[in-house]
Amino acid sequence: MKVSLKDGRCRSCGGELEIVDADDATMEVTCTNCYDSYLVEHDAFNDGAIHYVIGFLQERSKGDRDAP
């Protein structure tokens, strides 16, 4: 799931971030420009830990159901 540039940018280059994993405390993001990867807290994008965490987990669970 990609992070809107208005909500957050890569701390290394200012590029677009993509959420690649999440657990009960953190999300792993990777920059689509410089490929830097790091952990952030659930509320790193000032959405109350609702939009990005829940959206990512919903997308991931849909993928799990599509697997054979």
N, C-alpha and C. Protein backbone atom coordinates (compact mmCIF):
# COMPACT_ATOMS: atom_id res chain seq x y z
N MET A 1 0.85 -1.16 0.00
CA MET A 1 0.00 0.00 0.00
C MET A 1 0.90 1.23 0.00
N LYS A 2 0.63 2.16 -0.92
CA LYS A 2 1.43 3.37 -1.01
C LYS A 2 0.91 4.44 -0.06
N VAL A 3 1.84 5.23 0.46
CA VAL A 3 1.51 6.34 1.36
C VAL A 3 1.40 7.61 0.52
N SER A 4 0.34 8.33 0.71
CA SER A 4 0.16 9.59 0.00
C SER A 4 1.30 10.54 0.35
N LEU A 5 1.81 11.24 -0.65
CA LEU A 5 2.92 12.18 -0.40
C LEU A 5 2.51 13.29 0.55
N LYS A 6 1.23 13.60 0.65
CA LYS A 6 0.80 14.63 1.61
C LYS A 6 0.87 14.12 3.05
N ASP A 7 0.90 12.79 3.21
CA ASP A 7 0.94 12.20 4.56
C ASP A 7 2.35 11.83 5.02
N GLY A 8 3.23 11.52 4.10
CA GLY A 8 4.58 11.14 4.49
C GLY A 8 5.46 10.91 3.29
N ARG A 9 6.74 11.14 3.50
CA ARG A 9 7.76 10.97 2.45
C ARG A 9 8.97 10.24 3.03
N CYS A 10 9.77 9.70 2.16
CA CYS A 10 11.00 9.02 2.57
C CYS A 10 11.89 10.00 3.33
N ARG A 11 12.41 9.55 4.45
CA ARG A 11 13.26 10.44 5.25
C ARG A 11 14.65 10.60 4.65
N SER A 12 15.00 9.74 3.69
CA SER A 12 16.31 9.85 3.04
C SER A 12 16.30 10.75 1.81
N CYS A 13 15.26 10.59 0.96
CA CYS A 13 15.27 11.32 -0.31
C CYS A 13 14.00 12.12 -0.59
N GLY A 14 12.98 11.96 0.26
CA GLY A 14 11.72 12.67 0.04
C GLY A 14 10.80 11.98 -0.94
N GLY A 15 11.15 10.76 -1.34
CA GLY A 15 10.35 10.01 -2.31
C GLY A 15 9.10 9.39 -1.70
N GLU A 16 8.36 8.67 -2.55
CA GLU A 16 7.11 8.02 -2.16
C GLU A 16 7.41 6.74 -1.38
N LEU A 17 6.63 6.51 -0.33
CA LEU A 17 6.79 5.32 0.50
C LEU A 17 5.72 4.29 0.19
N GLU A 18 6.09 3.03 0.34
CA GLU A 18 5.15 1.94 0.23
C GLU A 18 5.24 1.10 1.49
N ILE A 19 4.10 0.77 2.08
CA ILE A 19 4.08 -0.10 3.26
C ILE A 19 4.21 -1.53 2.76
N VAL A 20 5.22 -2.24 3.28
CA VAL A 20 5.48 -3.60 2.82
C VAL A 20 5.20 -4.66 3.88
N ASP A 21 5.06 -4.23 5.15
CA ASP A 21 4.75 -5.17 6.22
C ASP A 21 4.25 -4.40 7.43
N ALA A 22 3.54 -5.09 8.30
CA ALA A 22 3.06 -4.48 9.53
C ALA A 22 2.89 -5.56 10.59
N ASP A 23 3.12 -5.17 11.82
CA ASP A 23 2.87 -6.08 12.94
C ASP A 23 2.08 -5.31 13.99
N ASP A 24 2.08 -5.80 15.21
CA ASP A 24 1.26 -5.16 16.25
C ASP A 24 1.80 -3.82 16.73
N ALA A 25 3.01 -3.44 16.36
CA ALA A 25 3.59 -2.18 16.84
C ALA A 25 4.18 -1.29 15.76
N THR A 26 4.57 -1.86 14.63
CA THR A 26 5.26 -1.08 13.61
C THR A 26 4.79 -1.43 12.20
N MET A 27 5.18 -0.57 11.27
CA MET A 27 5.01 -0.84 9.84
C MET A 27 6.38 -0.72 9.20
N GLU A 28 6.67 -1.58 8.25
CA GLU A 28 7.90 -1.45 7.47
C GLU A 28 7.56 -0.74 6.18
N VAL A 29 8.30 0.33 5.88
CA VAL A 29 8.09 1.07 4.65
C VAL A 29 9.35 1.01 3.81
N THR A 30 9.16 1.07 2.48
CA THR A 30 10.26 1.11 1.53
C THR A 30 10.01 2.26 0.57
N CYS A 31 11.05 3.01 0.28
CA CYS A 31 10.94 4.12 -0.66
C CYS A 31 10.93 3.56 -2.08
N THR A 32 9.99 4.05 -2.90
CA THR A 32 9.91 3.59 -4.28
C THR A 32 10.97 4.25 -5.15
N ASN A 33 11.69 5.24 -4.60
CA ASN A 33 12.71 5.97 -5.35
C ASN A 33 14.12 5.46 -5.03
N CYS A 34 14.51 5.55 -3.75
CA CYS A 34 15.88 5.16 -3.36
C CYS A 34 15.96 3.78 -2.73
N TYR A 35 14.81 3.15 -2.49
CA TYR A 35 14.71 1.80 -1.93
C TYR A 35 15.18 1.68 -0.48
N ASP A 36 15.32 2.82 0.21
CA ASP A 36 15.61 2.78 1.63
C ASP A 36 14.42 2.13 2.33
N SER A 37 14.67 1.34 3.34
CA SER A 37 13.62 0.63 4.05
C SER A 37 13.84 0.81 5.55
N TYR A 38 12.75 1.07 6.26
CA TYR A 38 12.85 1.27 7.71
C TYR A 38 11.49 1.07 8.36
N LEU A 39 11.51 0.96 9.69
CA LEU A 39 10.29 0.78 10.48
C LEU A 39 9.77 2.12 10.96
N VAL A 40 8.44 2.24 10.99
CA VAL A 40 7.79 3.42 11.56
C VAL A 40 6.67 2.95 12.48
N GLU A 41 6.24 3.84 13.37
CA GLU A 41 5.11 3.52 14.24
C GLU A 41 3.82 3.57 13.44
N HIS A 42 2.78 2.94 13.97
CA HIS A 42 1.49 2.91 13.28
C HIS A 42 0.95 4.30 12.96
N ASP A 43 1.20 5.27 13.82
CA ASP A 43 0.65 6.62 13.60
C ASP A 43 1.68 7.55 12.94
N ALA A 44 2.62 7.02 12.24
CA ALA A 44 3.67 7.84 11.63
C ALA A 44 3.12 8.82 10.60
N PHE A 45 1.95 8.52 10.04
CA PHE A 45 1.39 9.36 8.98
C PHE A 45 0.19 10.17 9.45
N ASN A 46 0.09 10.36 10.77
CA ASN A 46 -0.92 11.21 11.41
C ASN A 46 -2.35 10.87 10.99
N ASP A 47 -2.65 9.58 10.90
CA ASP A 47 -4.00 9.16 10.55
C ASP A 47 -4.70 8.44 11.70
N GLY A 48 -4.13 8.56 12.90
CA GLY A 48 -4.71 7.89 14.05
C GLY A 48 -4.56 6.38 13.98
N ALA A 49 -3.61 5.91 13.20
CA ALA A 49 -3.34 4.48 13.02
C ALA A 49 -4.56 3.75 12.48
N ILE A 50 -5.34 4.43 11.64
CA ILE A 50 -6.54 3.82 11.10
C ILE A 50 -6.40 3.52 9.61
N HIS A 51 -6.19 4.51 8.81
CA HIS A 51 -6.21 4.34 7.35
C HIS A 51 -5.11 3.40 6.85
N TYR A 52 -3.88 3.69 7.19
CA TYR A 52 -2.78 2.93 6.60
C TYR A 52 -2.63 1.53 7.21
N VAL A 53 -2.67 1.43 8.51
CA VAL A 53 -2.48 0.11 9.15
C VAL A 53 -3.63 -0.82 8.76
N ILE A 54 -4.85 -0.36 8.96
CA ILE A 54 -6.00 -1.21 8.66
C ILE A 54 -6.08 -1.49 7.16
N GLY A 55 -5.84 -0.48 6.34
CA GLY A 55 -5.86 -0.69 4.89
C GLY A 55 -4.84 -1.73 4.45
N PHE A 56 -3.63 -1.63 4.99
CA PHE A 56 -2.59 -2.60 4.64
C PHE A 56 -2.99 -4.01 5.07
N LEU A 57 -3.47 -4.14 6.30
CA LEU A 57 -3.84 -5.46 6.80
C LEU A 57 -5.01 -6.05 6.01
N GLN A 58 -5.95 -5.20 5.58
CA GLN A 58 -7.06 -5.69 4.75
C GLN A 58 -6.54 -6.18 3.41
N GLU A 59 -5.65 -5.42 2.79
CA GLU A 59 -5.08 -5.84 1.50
C GLU A 59 -4.33 -7.16 1.65
N ARG A 60 -3.57 -7.27 2.73
CA ARG A 60 -2.79 -8.49 2.95
C ARG A 60 -3.72 -9.69 3.16
N SER A 61 -4.80 -9.50 3.91
CA SER A 61 -5.71 -10.62 4.16
C SER A 61 -6.44 -11.04 2.88
N LYS A 62 -6.73 -10.10 1.98
CA LYS A 62 -7.33 -10.45 0.69
C LYS A 62 -6.36 -11.30 -0.10
N GLY A 63 -5.09 -10.96 -0.08
CA GLY A 63 -4.08 -11.75 -0.78
C GLY A 63 -3.96 -13.14 -0.22
N ASP A 64 -4.09 -13.28 1.11
CA ASP A 64 -4.02 -14.59 1.73
C ASP A 64 -5.18 -15.48 1.28
N ARG A 65 -6.37 -14.89 1.11
CA ARG A 65 -7.53 -15.66 0.68
C ARG A 65 -7.42 -16.06 -0.79
N ASP A 66 -6.71 -15.27 -1.58
CA ASP A 66 -6.57 -15.57 -3.00
C ASP A 66 -5.55 -16.67 -3.27
N ALA A 67 -4.69 -16.94 -2.29
CA ALA A 67 -3.65 -17.98 -2.47
C ALA A 67 -4.30 -19.36 -2.45
N PRO A 68 -3.77 -20.28 -3.24
CA PRO A 68 -4.33 -21.65 -3.26
C PRO A 68 -4.08 -22.41 -1.99
